[in-house]
Amino acid sequence: MPSSDQPRKWSSGGQISKGRPSSRGDSTMKIQLPSSTDTLSDQTGRYPLHVNGNAAPIESRLSDTTTIADRPHLDRKPSSPVMPAFMVSAPGKVIVYGEHAVVHGKAAIAAAISLRSYLLVTALSKSRRTVSLRFPDIALDHTWDIDSLPWAAFSHPSKKKFYYDLVTSLDDDLVAAIEPHISVVSQDGPEEKRKVHRAAASTFLYLFLSLGSQTSPPCIYTLRSTIPIGAGLGSSASIAVCLSTALLLQIRALAGPHPDQPGDEAELQLERINRWAFVGEMAIHGNPSGVDNTVASGGKAVLFKRTDYQKPPIVTPLRNFPELPLLLVNTQQARSTAVEVAKVAALRDAHPAVTEMMLESIDTVTESAHSLITSRSFKQDDPKSLQHLGELIRINHGLLVSLGVSHPRLERIRELVDHSNIGWTKLTGAGGGGCAITMLKPDASQEALRDLDARLRAENFEIYETILGGDGVGVLWPAILNNGTSEKGGEEIDQEKFLRAVGHSGVEQLVGVGEIVKREGWKFWRV
């Protein structure tokens, strides 16, 4: 990754001014804020009030000769949220070409899908002093007392990280500091559920404590996801990107997104989001590849290659990757990535020359797709180009079958799709279960799709019609959508509505990012 970007510069003149863009294209925003010891006075200047609310009671600042009648009349207003509710959304991902070969130093292409995670941030009254993480899709709902969290550990000079820092590993001392606050999550639940809940809580608390401060506003962070969890579709990275973006927005460390934002500035914001999302992924997976969070941040697709596991991978964004209709089918068959990777390793040990030829062939498939997509003559609506990409999908699947990582349920999907003649199918991810993807042909009939849908559902497959190569992280600020509603000023997305949305379609219908509703109101960083 590029080197750390520089901190935002703070002026002291009470004005907001745009600094001269740096040589790296980073527009520096100068914003003057009062410090924690600055004071504000009333019109007479007699009653200074500390900005941080820690001034002594007003009675102690009155002279002994002051009468009750002389005392100022304070019209106390009820405490109110410091910011409007807002939303963040990030996509899942699929590996389009190159799985398993990528483990052995070859290239792979991963692309965003329009199944997404959604995070609603709701500010609470300042007096509440709590922060809550709600994830109803996995039955997680936990609240922490902000002042009881280990701020001293995270703010110690030897440990403190700033939003512009590059963090490549978790700090063992900080992990230990949050452990008591993780261990109390879902204490009475079964161990398997607790494991999932603790992983989500670890990501949230590590990011919250790293990017926030003890004065962070009390909030509820509510997550919903249309991405199948544990199916190799990057659901955890999508959530990490949502949390990273929300927390960076709350500390005003991101510019935009807005339609006129220069590409280099947008890229800097995505890099910042991606760096902290990677930290969140480390809290769950220990040593993640970085592919999932990169795709969830920037969208579209990436070419990924890692030849030396002692060094960071080479991740190249593919900004011209086409948006294509995709059928995603979940076998609902449990699988283990470690088991499937071990199968290929064992085959390579037993038949090194043959296995290496198959891995090289997969690499050639990936490179062929990459060369086509990045060529100046590429047009995504050209039937010949789509045919080329589709045939590579089919070839890639055949090679993966030869490596022994398919499954009867995956082969049944391919058989049904081939019979319907609507597209090209392959497994995606580790195989052995999980999901299959079908790149749809331009002339695929709706009747054939409906018939295939019925056949797949009859055999207990989960089907998702999605888009390949779409947008990355997006923001809805404030959380108001104009979805043809009769509500004045648009439809406000609040906790009750968000939690009441039923299923994947209900969430997408409400928030308006998916394929059901247009993206009106949502904004994206686009490079």
Protein backbone atom coordinates (compact mmCIF):
# COMPACT_ATOMS: atom_id res chain seq x y z
CA MET A 1 0.00 0.00 0.00
CA PRO A 2 1.12 3.65 -0.46
CA SER A 3 2.80 5.35 2.45
CA SER A 4 0.79 7.02 5.20
CA ASP A 5 -0.97 10.23 4.23
CA GLN A 6 -0.40 13.31 6.37
CA PRO A 7 -2.67 14.55 9.14
CA ARG A 8 -5.25 17.21 8.52
CA LYS A 9 -3.96 20.71 9.32
CA TRP A 10 -5.85 22.73 11.93
CA SER A 11 -5.82 26.50 11.80
CA SER A 12 -6.77 28.82 14.67
CA GLY A 13 -8.68 31.67 13.11
CA GLY A 14 -12.23 30.45 13.44
CA GLN A 15 -12.65 30.02 9.68
CA ILE A 16 -12.97 27.05 7.36
CA SER A 17 -10.53 27.37 4.48
CA LYS A 18 -9.39 24.99 1.82
CA GLY A 19 -5.63 24.50 1.77
CA ARG A 20 -3.49 24.19 -1.30
CA PRO A 21 -3.67 20.64 -2.72
CA SER A 22 -0.56 18.65 -1.98
CA SER A 23 1.53 16.98 -4.63
CA ARG A 24 -0.36 13.76 -3.86
CA GLY A 25 -3.69 15.33 -4.72
CA ASP A 26 -4.88 15.52 -1.09
CA SER A 27 -6.94 18.68 -0.59
CA THR A 28 -6.11 19.83 2.93
CA MET A 29 -9.12 21.15 4.80
CA LYS A 30 -8.32 23.69 7.51
CA ILE A 31 -10.98 23.81 10.20
CA GLN A 32 -10.68 25.75 13.43
CA LEU A 33 -12.35 24.22 16.43
CA PRO A 34 -12.13 25.46 20.01
CA SER A 35 -9.89 23.42 22.24
CA SER A 36 -11.14 21.65 25.35
CA THR A 37 -9.99 24.61 27.47
CA ASP A 38 -11.43 27.39 25.28
CA THR A 39 -14.35 29.23 26.83
CA LEU A 40 -17.50 30.81 25.53
CA SER A 41 -19.08 33.75 27.34
CA ASP A 42 -22.51 35.27 27.41
CA GLN A 43 -22.98 38.78 26.01
CA THR A 44 -21.64 40.42 29.19
CA GLY A 45 -18.57 38.22 29.30
CA ARG A 46 -19.21 37.50 32.98
CA TYR A 47 -20.05 33.82 32.83
CA PRO A 48 -17.51 31.73 30.93
CA LEU A 49 -18.77 28.27 29.98
CA HIS A 50 -16.24 25.62 29.02
CA VAL A 51 -16.86 24.07 25.61
CA ASN A 52 -16.42 20.57 27.00
CA GLY A 53 -19.13 21.14 29.58
CA ASN A 54 -16.79 20.74 32.54
CA ALA A 55 -17.12 24.26 33.98
CA ALA A 56 -17.86 24.66 37.67
CA PRO A 57 -21.49 25.19 38.68
CA ILE A 58 -22.57 28.72 37.94
CA GLU A 59 -23.28 29.40 41.62
CA SER A 60 -19.59 28.99 42.43
CA ARG A 61 -18.72 31.65 39.87
CA LEU A 62 -21.01 34.32 41.36
CA SER A 63 -19.72 36.80 43.88
CA ASP A 64 -20.89 36.77 47.47
CA THR A 65 -22.88 39.96 46.83
CA THR A 66 -24.85 38.55 43.93
CA THR A 67 -28.53 38.22 44.72
CA ILE A 68 -30.91 35.60 43.44
CA ALA A 69 -32.53 38.25 41.28
CA ASP A 70 -29.14 39.11 39.76
CA ARG A 71 -28.47 35.55 38.74
CA PRO A 72 -28.87 34.82 35.04
CA HIS A 73 -31.92 32.86 33.94
CA LEU A 74 -30.79 29.65 32.20
CA ASP A 75 -33.29 28.13 29.82
CA ARG A 76 -32.06 24.55 29.73
CA LYS A 77 -32.89 22.73 26.53
CA PRO A 78 -33.22 18.98 26.52
CA SER A 79 -30.09 17.22 25.29
CA SER A 80 -30.31 16.33 21.61
CA PRO A 81 -28.29 14.22 19.18
CA VAL A 82 -25.16 15.92 17.86
CA MET A 83 -25.64 14.60 14.36
CA PRO A 84 -28.43 13.25 12.16
CA ALA A 85 -28.82 9.53 11.68
CA PHE A 86 -26.81 8.39 8.67
CA MET A 87 -26.11 5.18 6.79
CA VAL A 88 -23.14 3.46 5.20
CA SER A 89 -23.27 0.52 2.79
CA ALA A 90 -20.59 -1.73 1.30
CA PRO A 91 -20.75 -4.69 -1.11
CA GLY A 92 -19.82 -8.32 -0.85
CA LYS A 93 -17.53 -9.98 -3.36
CA VAL A 94 -17.02 -13.08 -5.46
CA ILE A 95 -13.86 -14.51 -6.98
CA VAL A 96 -14.52 -14.49 -10.70
CA TYR A 97 -11.30 -16.14 -11.87
CA GLY A 98 -8.29 -17.76 -10.21
CA GLU A 99 -9.34 -19.34 -6.90
CA HIS A 100 -6.92 -21.94 -5.52
CA ALA A 101 -4.29 -20.94 -8.09
CA VAL A 102 -3.99 -17.70 -6.12
CA VAL A 103 -2.86 -19.71 -3.07
CA HIS A 104 0.13 -20.88 -5.13
CA GLY A 105 1.34 -17.47 -6.27
CA LYS A 106 -0.90 -17.02 -9.31
CA ALA A 107 -3.29 -14.14 -10.03
CA ALA A 108 -7.01 -13.96 -9.26
CA ILE A 109 -9.78 -11.50 -10.08
CA ALA A 110 -12.34 -10.64 -7.42
CA ALA A 111 -15.32 -8.37 -8.06
CA ALA A 112 -18.00 -6.60 -6.06
CA ILE A 113 -21.59 -7.84 -6.07
CA SER A 114 -24.73 -5.85 -5.35
CA LEU A 115 -25.52 -7.88 -2.23
CA ARG A 116 -24.49 -5.48 0.52
CA SER A 117 -24.18 -4.74 4.22
CA TYR A 118 -25.91 -1.67 5.66
CA LEU A 119 -25.01 0.25 8.80
CA LEU A 120 -27.36 2.78 10.42
CA VAL A 121 -25.72 5.13 12.93
CA THR A 122 -28.12 6.77 15.36
CA ALA A 123 -26.89 9.38 17.83
CA LEU A 124 -28.23 9.30 21.39
CA SER A 125 -28.68 11.98 23.99
CA LYS A 126 -25.29 13.19 25.23
CA SER A 127 -26.18 12.11 28.75
CA ARG A 128 -26.56 8.45 27.79
CA ARG A 129 -22.80 7.67 27.60
CA THR A 130 -23.32 4.28 25.99
CA VAL A 131 -22.50 2.73 22.65
CA SER A 132 -24.47 -0.19 21.23
CA LEU A 133 -23.84 -2.70 18.45
CA ARG A 134 -26.96 -4.30 17.02
CA PHE A 135 -26.82 -7.00 14.35
CA PRO A 136 -30.25 -8.66 14.31
CA ASP A 137 -29.34 -10.99 11.41
CA ILE A 138 -27.08 -12.88 13.85
CA ALA A 139 -29.11 -12.01 16.98
CA LEU A 140 -26.39 -9.74 18.39
CA ASP A 141 -27.37 -6.80 20.60
CA HIS A 142 -24.84 -5.49 23.12
CA THR A 143 -24.28 -2.17 24.87
CA TRP A 144 -21.07 -0.88 26.46
CA ASP A 145 -20.57 2.00 28.86
CA ILE A 146 -18.30 4.41 26.97
CA ASP A 147 -16.46 5.64 30.05
CA SER A 148 -15.69 2.07 31.18
CA LEU A 149 -13.87 1.14 27.96
CA PRO A 150 -10.03 0.93 28.01
CA TRP A 151 -9.33 4.40 26.61
CA ALA A 152 -6.11 4.72 28.64
CA ALA A 153 -4.60 1.74 26.83
CA PHE A 154 -5.55 2.95 23.35
CA SER A 155 -4.55 6.59 23.97
CA HIS A 156 -1.15 5.83 25.54
CA PRO A 157 1.56 7.60 23.49
CA SER A 158 3.25 4.29 22.67
CA LYS A 159 -0.01 2.79 21.40
CA LYS A 160 -2.08 5.62 19.97
CA LYS A 161 -2.85 5.41 16.26
CA PHE A 162 -4.27 8.23 14.20
CA TYR A 163 -6.68 8.03 11.30
CA TYR A 164 -3.88 8.65 8.79
CA ASP A 165 -1.65 5.85 10.15
CA LEU A 166 -0.98 2.58 8.36
CA VAL A 167 -1.66 -0.31 10.75
CA THR A 168 -0.38 -3.69 9.54
CA SER A 169 -0.90 -5.76 12.68
CA LEU A 170 -2.99 -5.76 15.82
CA ASP A 171 -1.34 -4.71 19.06
CA ASP A 172 -1.37 -7.66 21.50
CA ASP A 173 -1.67 -5.33 24.50
CA LEU A 174 -4.70 -3.60 23.00
CA VAL A 175 -6.31 -6.92 22.11
CA ALA A 176 -5.83 -7.97 25.73
CA ALA A 177 -7.30 -4.65 26.92
CA ILE A 178 -10.59 -5.18 25.09
CA GLU A 179 -10.87 -8.88 25.97
CA PRO A 180 -12.85 -8.30 29.21
CA HIS A 181 -15.32 -6.22 27.20
CA ILE A 182 -15.61 -8.92 24.54
CA SER A 183 -16.01 -11.82 26.95
CA VAL A 184 -19.28 -10.43 28.34
CA VAL A 185 -20.95 -10.43 24.92
CA SER A 186 -23.75 -13.05 24.66
CA GLN A 187 -22.53 -14.84 27.78
CA ASP A 188 -25.57 -17.10 27.96
CA GLY A 189 -25.59 -18.11 24.28
CA PRO A 190 -24.27 -21.33 22.76
CA GLU A 191 -20.55 -21.38 22.02
CA GLU A 192 -20.95 -21.27 18.23
CA LYS A 193 -23.12 -18.16 18.44
CA ARG A 194 -20.79 -16.55 20.97
CA LYS A 195 -17.86 -17.09 18.62
CA VAL A 196 -19.61 -15.17 15.83
CA HIS A 197 -20.78 -12.43 18.20
CA ARG A 198 -17.33 -12.02 19.73
CA ALA A 199 -15.76 -11.67 16.28
CA ALA A 200 -18.17 -8.87 15.36
CA ALA A 201 -17.70 -7.19 18.73
CA SER A 202 -13.90 -7.41 18.46
CA THR A 203 -13.92 -5.67 15.09
CA PHE A 204 -16.21 -2.95 16.35
CA LEU A 205 -14.44 -2.23 19.64
CA TYR A 206 -10.92 -2.27 18.19
CA LEU A 207 -11.95 0.25 15.51
CA PHE A 208 -14.11 2.33 17.88
CA LEU A 209 -11.31 2.66 20.43
CA SER A 210 -8.63 3.27 17.79
CA LEU A 211 -10.49 6.00 15.91
CA GLY A 212 -12.62 7.48 18.67
CA SER A 213 -11.98 9.04 22.07
CA GLN A 214 -13.61 9.08 25.47
CA THR A 215 -15.62 12.08 24.26
CA SER A 216 -17.04 10.09 21.33
CA PRO A 217 -20.79 10.64 21.06
CA PRO A 218 -23.11 7.93 22.37
CA CYS A 219 -24.57 6.06 19.41
CA ILE A 220 -26.31 2.91 18.27
CA TYR A 221 -24.63 1.11 15.37
CA THR A 222 -27.20 -1.14 13.69
CA LEU A 223 -26.14 -3.60 10.99
CA ARG A 224 -28.23 -5.44 8.43
CA SER A 225 -26.83 -7.56 5.61
CA THR A 226 -28.14 -9.14 2.43
CA ILE A 227 -24.90 -11.10 2.04
CA PRO A 228 -25.09 -14.78 3.07
CA ILE A 229 -22.79 -15.14 6.08
CA GLY A 230 -20.07 -17.79 5.97
CA ALA A 231 -20.50 -18.46 2.25
CA GLY A 232 -17.18 -16.98 1.10
CA LEU A 233 -18.78 -13.77 -0.16
CA GLY A 234 -16.83 -11.28 1.96
CA SER A 235 -19.57 -10.50 4.49
CA SER A 236 -17.13 -9.73 7.32
CA ALA A 237 -15.07 -7.38 5.13
CA SER A 238 -18.23 -5.60 4.00
CA ILE A 239 -19.15 -4.99 7.64
CA ALA A 240 -15.60 -3.86 8.49
CA VAL A 241 -15.74 -1.32 5.65
CA CYS A 242 -19.09 0.00 6.91
CA LEU A 243 -17.73 0.43 10.44
CA SER A 244 -14.46 1.97 9.27
CA THR A 245 -16.29 4.49 7.08
CA ALA A 246 -18.82 5.45 9.75
CA LEU A 247 -16.18 6.01 12.43
CA LEU A 248 -13.96 8.03 10.08
CA LEU A 249 -16.94 10.16 9.08
CA GLN A 250 -17.75 10.80 12.73
CA ILE A 251 -14.26 12.18 13.39
CA ARG A 252 -14.41 14.20 10.16
CA ALA A 253 -11.48 12.37 8.62
CA LEU A 254 -13.12 11.86 5.21
CA ALA A 255 -13.92 14.28 2.41
CA GLY A 256 -17.04 13.71 0.32
CA PRO A 257 -18.33 11.73 -1.31
CA HIS A 258 -19.80 14.16 -3.82
CA PRO A 259 -20.30 14.09 -7.61
CA ASP A 260 -17.62 16.70 -8.41
CA GLN A 261 -14.93 15.18 -6.21
CA PRO A 262 -11.60 14.80 -8.05
CA GLY A 263 -10.61 11.20 -8.66
CA ASP A 264 -7.32 11.44 -6.75
CA GLU A 265 -9.12 12.86 -3.71
CA ALA A 266 -11.74 10.12 -3.85
CA GLU A 267 -8.97 7.54 -4.10
CA LEU A 268 -7.32 8.91 -0.98
CA GLN A 269 -10.57 8.56 0.98
CA LEU A 270 -11.01 4.97 -0.20
CA GLU A 271 -7.42 4.15 0.77
CA ARG A 272 -8.05 5.50 4.26
CA ILE A 273 -11.28 3.51 4.62
CA ASN A 274 -9.61 0.38 3.28
CA ARG A 275 -6.67 0.61 5.69
CA TRP A 276 -8.92 0.66 8.75
CA ALA A 277 -11.25 -1.97 7.32
CA PHE A 278 -8.20 -4.22 7.03
CA VAL A 279 -7.59 -3.65 10.75
CA GLY A 280 -11.17 -4.79 11.37
CA GLU A 281 -10.58 -7.88 9.25
CA MET A 282 -7.45 -8.69 11.25
CA ALA A 283 -9.58 -8.66 14.42
CA ILE A 284 -11.66 -11.48 12.91
CA HIS A 285 -9.32 -13.49 10.67
CA GLY A 286 -5.87 -12.82 12.08
CA ASN A 287 -4.03 -12.73 8.74
CA PRO A 288 -6.50 -11.76 5.99
CA SER A 289 -5.40 -11.39 2.38
CA GLY A 290 -6.77 -7.87 2.02
CA VAL A 291 -8.73 -8.71 -1.13
CA ASP A 292 -12.20 -8.67 0.43
CA ASN A 293 -11.89 -5.30 2.15
CA THR A 294 -10.27 -3.76 -0.95
CA VAL A 295 -13.20 -4.82 -3.13
CA ALA A 296 -15.76 -3.77 -0.50
CA SER A 297 -14.13 -0.34 -0.27
CA GLY A 298 -13.58 0.52 -3.91
CA GLY A 299 -16.10 -1.72 -5.65
CA LYS A 300 -15.68 -2.82 -9.28
CA ALA A 301 -12.91 -5.47 -9.25
CA VAL A 302 -9.27 -6.11 -8.39
CA LEU A 303 -6.45 -8.24 -9.76
CA PHE A 304 -4.79 -9.89 -6.79
CA LYS A 305 -1.45 -11.69 -6.58
CA ARG A 306 0.71 -12.82 -3.67
CA THR A 307 3.99 -14.53 -4.49
CA ASP A 308 5.65 -14.01 -1.10
CA TYR A 309 3.58 -14.51 2.05
CA GLN A 310 6.16 -12.50 4.01
CA LYS A 311 5.20 -9.42 1.99
CA PRO A 312 1.91 -7.66 1.28
CA PRO A 313 -0.01 -8.85 -1.79
CA ILE A 314 -0.11 -6.92 -5.03
CA VAL A 315 -3.66 -5.61 -5.45
CA THR A 316 -4.46 -3.76 -8.68
CA PRO A 317 -7.88 -2.07 -8.98
CA LEU A 318 -9.73 -2.77 -12.23
CA ARG A 319 -11.77 0.41 -12.60
CA ASN A 320 -13.09 -0.56 -16.04
CA PHE A 321 -14.53 -3.87 -14.91
CA PRO A 322 -18.00 -4.15 -16.47
CA GLU A 323 -21.26 -4.24 -14.55
CA LEU A 324 -22.82 -7.56 -15.54
CA PRO A 325 -25.96 -9.43 -14.46
CA LEU A 326 -25.02 -12.38 -12.27
CA LEU A 327 -26.93 -15.30 -10.83
CA LEU A 328 -25.53 -16.33 -7.46
CA VAL A 329 -26.63 -19.69 -6.05
CA ASN A 330 -25.84 -20.82 -2.53
CA THR A 331 -25.61 -24.60 -2.14
CA GLN A 332 -26.18 -24.22 1.63
CA GLN A 333 -23.56 -26.95 1.89
CA ALA A 334 -21.06 -26.29 4.68
CA ARG A 335 -17.46 -26.20 3.54
CA SER A 336 -14.01 -25.60 4.97
CA THR A 337 -11.55 -23.43 3.09
CA ALA A 338 -8.66 -25.11 4.91
CA VAL A 339 -9.83 -28.58 3.84
CA GLU A 340 -10.19 -27.61 0.18
CA VAL A 341 -6.80 -25.85 0.11
CA ALA A 342 -5.24 -28.96 1.66
CA LYS A 343 -6.76 -31.13 -1.11
CA VAL A 344 -4.97 -29.13 -3.79
CA ALA A 345 -1.71 -29.16 -1.82
CA ALA A 346 -1.93 -32.94 -1.49
CA LEU A 347 -2.63 -33.32 -5.21
CA ARG A 348 0.35 -31.14 -6.00
CA ASP A 349 2.57 -33.31 -3.82
CA ALA A 350 1.31 -36.50 -5.50
CA HIS A 351 1.28 -35.18 -9.08
CA PRO A 352 3.46 -32.04 -9.13
CA ALA A 353 3.88 -31.62 -12.88
CA VAL A 354 0.20 -32.18 -13.78
CA THR A 355 -1.12 -30.07 -10.91
CA GLU A 356 1.26 -27.24 -11.74
CA MET A 357 0.04 -27.30 -15.35
CA MET A 358 -3.56 -26.95 -14.13
CA LEU A 359 -2.63 -24.06 -11.83
CA GLU A 360 -0.75 -22.39 -14.69
CA SER A 361 -3.80 -22.88 -16.91
CA ILE A 362 -6.02 -21.16 -14.33
CA ASP A 363 -3.49 -18.32 -14.23
CA THR A 364 -3.68 -18.06 -18.03
CA VAL A 365 -7.49 -17.87 -17.80
CA THR A 366 -7.21 -15.01 -15.32
CA GLU A 367 -4.67 -13.16 -17.42
CA SER A 368 -6.80 -13.60 -20.54
CA ALA A 369 -9.78 -12.00 -18.77
CA HIS A 370 -7.57 -9.23 -17.38
CA SER A 371 -6.09 -8.45 -20.79
CA LEU A 372 -9.53 -8.20 -22.38
CA ILE A 373 -11.03 -6.00 -19.66
CA THR A 374 -8.09 -3.58 -19.62
CA SER A 375 -7.76 -3.31 -23.41
CA ARG A 376 -8.76 -0.02 -25.02
CA SER A 377 -11.09 -1.80 -27.41
CA PHE A 378 -13.09 -3.51 -24.65
CA LYS A 379 -16.82 -2.80 -24.64
CA GLN A 380 -18.96 -4.47 -22.03
CA ASP A 381 -22.03 -4.51 -24.31
CA ASP A 382 -20.12 -6.28 -27.08
CA PRO A 383 -21.52 -9.85 -27.39
CA LYS A 384 -18.11 -11.19 -28.45
CA SER A 385 -16.44 -9.77 -25.32
CA LEU A 386 -19.11 -11.25 -23.08
CA GLN A 387 -18.84 -14.59 -24.87
CA HIS A 388 -15.07 -14.54 -24.27
CA LEU A 389 -15.49 -13.84 -20.54
CA GLY A 390 -18.21 -16.46 -20.25
CA GLU A 391 -16.13 -19.16 -21.91
CA LEU A 392 -13.30 -18.38 -19.49
CA ILE A 393 -15.77 -18.89 -16.63
CA ARG A 394 -16.61 -22.36 -17.94
CA ILE A 395 -12.95 -23.29 -18.51
CA ASN A 396 -11.98 -22.10 -15.02
CA HIS A 397 -14.67 -24.30 -13.47
CA GLY A 398 -13.50 -27.36 -15.40
CA LEU A 399 -9.97 -26.88 -14.08
CA LEU A 400 -11.25 -26.51 -10.52
CA VAL A 401 -13.19 -29.76 -10.92
CA SER A 402 -9.96 -31.43 -12.01
CA LEU A 403 -8.28 -30.12 -8.86
CA GLY A 404 -10.95 -31.93 -6.85
CA VAL A 405 -12.57 -28.94 -5.12
CA SER A 406 -16.09 -29.12 -6.54
CA HIS A 407 -19.08 -30.83 -4.89
CA PRO A 408 -22.16 -32.71 -6.18
CA ARG A 409 -24.36 -29.76 -5.18
CA LEU A 410 -22.18 -27.40 -7.22
CA GLU A 411 -22.24 -29.75 -10.19
CA ARG A 412 -26.02 -29.97 -9.96
CA ILE A 413 -26.24 -26.18 -10.26
CA ARG A 414 -23.99 -26.24 -13.31
CA GLU A 415 -26.06 -29.04 -14.84
CA LEU A 416 -29.35 -27.15 -14.40
CA VAL A 417 -27.88 -23.90 -15.75
CA ASP A 418 -26.35 -25.63 -18.78
CA HIS A 419 -29.70 -27.28 -19.50
CA SER A 420 -31.46 -23.91 -19.41
CA ASN A 421 -28.79 -22.35 -21.68
CA ILE A 422 -28.88 -18.99 -19.91
CA GLY A 423 -25.19 -18.48 -19.09
CA TRP A 424 -21.80 -19.77 -17.94
CA THR A 425 -21.31 -21.26 -14.46
CA LYS A 426 -18.44 -21.91 -12.07
CA LEU A 427 -17.91 -22.38 -8.37
CA THR A 428 -16.59 -19.33 -6.54
CA GLY A 429 -14.29 -19.35 -3.54
CA ALA A 430 -12.87 -22.45 -1.92
CA GLY A 431 -15.43 -24.89 -3.32
CA GLY A 432 -16.54 -28.07 -1.58
CA GLY A 433 -19.91 -26.36 -1.14
CA GLY A 434 -20.49 -22.65 -0.79
CA CYS A 435 -21.68 -20.76 -3.86
CA ALA A 436 -21.71 -20.91 -7.65
CA ILE A 437 -21.93 -17.93 -9.98
CA THR A 438 -23.51 -17.76 -13.42
CA MET A 439 -22.66 -14.96 -15.83
CA LEU A 440 -25.90 -14.47 -17.74
CA LYS A 441 -26.07 -14.37 -21.52
CA PRO A 442 -27.54 -11.17 -23.02
CA ASP A 443 -30.34 -13.13 -24.68
CA ALA A 444 -31.30 -15.15 -21.57
CA SER A 445 -35.11 -15.23 -21.56
CA GLN A 446 -37.16 -14.35 -18.49
CA GLU A 447 -39.15 -17.54 -18.98
CA ALA A 448 -35.99 -19.65 -18.82
CA LEU A 449 -34.82 -17.75 -15.73
CA ARG A 450 -38.14 -18.33 -13.97
CA ASP A 451 -38.06 -22.02 -14.82
CA LEU A 452 -34.47 -22.32 -13.53
CA ASP A 453 -35.38 -20.44 -10.37
CA ALA A 454 -38.22 -22.87 -9.66
CA ARG A 455 -36.02 -25.91 -10.25
CA LEU A 456 -33.24 -24.61 -7.99
CA ARG A 457 -35.61 -23.69 -5.16
CA ALA A 458 -37.27 -27.08 -5.39
CA GLU A 459 -33.87 -28.61 -4.60
CA ASN A 460 -33.27 -26.29 -1.64
CA PHE A 461 -30.80 -23.90 -3.26
CA GLU A 462 -30.76 -20.18 -2.38
CA ILE A 463 -30.87 -17.91 -5.45
CA TYR A 464 -29.80 -14.28 -5.70
CA GLU A 465 -30.05 -12.16 -8.84
CA THR A 466 -27.29 -9.62 -8.47
CA ILE A 467 -24.93 -7.35 -10.39
CA LEU A 468 -21.21 -7.98 -10.78
CA GLY A 469 -18.71 -5.12 -10.69
CA GLY A 470 -20.82 -2.40 -9.05
CA ASP A 471 -20.09 0.41 -6.61
CA GLY A 472 -18.03 0.17 -3.45
CA VAL A 473 -18.77 1.89 -0.17
CA GLY A 474 -21.53 4.48 -0.18
CA VAL A 475 -23.00 7.01 2.26
CA LEU A 476 -26.52 8.25 2.90
CA TRP A 477 -26.24 11.43 4.98
CA PRO A 478 -28.71 12.12 6.47
CA ALA A 479 -30.59 8.81 6.44
CA ILE A 480 -33.43 10.12 4.28
CA LEU A 481 -34.54 8.63 0.96
CA ASN A 482 -37.03 9.83 -1.60
CA ASN A 483 -38.50 6.49 -2.63
CA GLY A 484 -41.85 7.67 -3.87
CA THR A 485 -43.01 7.99 -0.28
CA SER A 486 -45.69 10.39 0.86
CA GLU A 487 -43.54 11.54 3.79
CA LYS A 488 -42.70 15.22 3.54
CA GLY A 489 -39.06 15.75 2.61
CA GLY A 490 -38.51 12.05 1.95
CA GLU A 491 -38.55 8.88 4.00
CA GLU A 492 -36.45 8.98 7.15
CA ILE A 493 -34.75 5.68 7.94
CA ASP A 494 -34.94 5.23 11.69
CA GLN A 495 -34.17 2.34 14.03
CA GLU A 496 -37.71 1.01 14.04
CA LYS A 497 -38.08 0.92 10.26
CA PHE A 498 -34.62 -0.53 9.76
CA LEU A 499 -35.12 -3.32 12.27
CA ARG A 500 -38.63 -4.05 11.01
CA ALA A 501 -37.55 -4.62 7.39
CA VAL A 502 -38.19 -8.27 6.57
CA GLY A 503 -35.51 -10.31 4.81
CA HIS A 504 -33.06 -9.27 2.14
CA SER A 505 -35.68 -7.77 -0.16
CA GLY A 506 -37.20 -5.80 2.71
CA VAL A 507 -33.86 -4.24 3.60
CA GLU A 508 -33.09 -3.36 -0.01
CA GLN A 509 -36.60 -1.99 -0.57
CA LEU A 510 -36.21 0.27 2.44
CA VAL A 511 -32.70 1.64 1.97
CA GLY A 512 -32.66 1.86 -1.81
CA VAL A 513 -29.15 0.66 -2.73
CA GLY A 514 -29.94 -2.75 -4.19
CA GLU A 515 -31.47 -3.70 -7.50
CA ILE A 516 -35.06 -3.14 -6.33
CA VAL A 517 -34.84 0.64 -5.88
CA LYS A 518 -32.73 3.34 -7.55
CA ARG A 519 -29.78 4.75 -5.62
CA GLU A 520 -31.35 8.16 -5.10
CA GLY A 521 -29.76 9.89 -2.13
CA TRP A 522 -26.78 7.54 -1.84
CA LYS A 523 -23.35 8.89 -2.76
CA PHE A 524 -20.21 6.92 -3.63
CA TRP A 525 -16.50 7.62 -3.88
CA ARG A 526 -15.73 6.95 -7.53
CA VAL A 527 -12.24 7.00 -8.99
